[in-house]
């Protein structure tokens, strides 16, 4: 997959070992009906199979694995391993898990090969996020960073 797919960010490499999270990513107790989480995402590792660094277009079956570090107010609060499989040269099916101190949030989308904003389905969660649904908006802010807004409903 090309770098612009990574910039759209979503989905799994081995988790980063020894990460220290210095802030809690969620409210003390989730509200009854819904809430919104905001993060800065930065891609910290990336692997494509096959490697298409020569600029050739992705092909059906190509895969990418990457990890996005999630932070709030300058403090790392979690990470999101991603896994994408190209459906054709223009789209990839991607899954991710936002791993946060109080639980995980599962995400899935059909990722276009280009674009600055992405709508992502929240497909579930664990811990305080158990039973959530919702939508995440990911806005590309640079080649390796994004602004994440995750709107959750219980």
Foldseek 3Di string as FASTA:
>chain_A
DDLQLCLQDFFADPDDPPDDFDDAQDDPAADQWKDKTKWKKFWDDKDKVVDPPVPDFDAAFIKMWTKIFTDDPPTTFFMKIKMWGDRGRFWIWMWIWTQGPQKIWIWIDIGTSHDFKDKIWTDAMDGSGGPKTFIWIWGRPDSGMTMIMTMITD
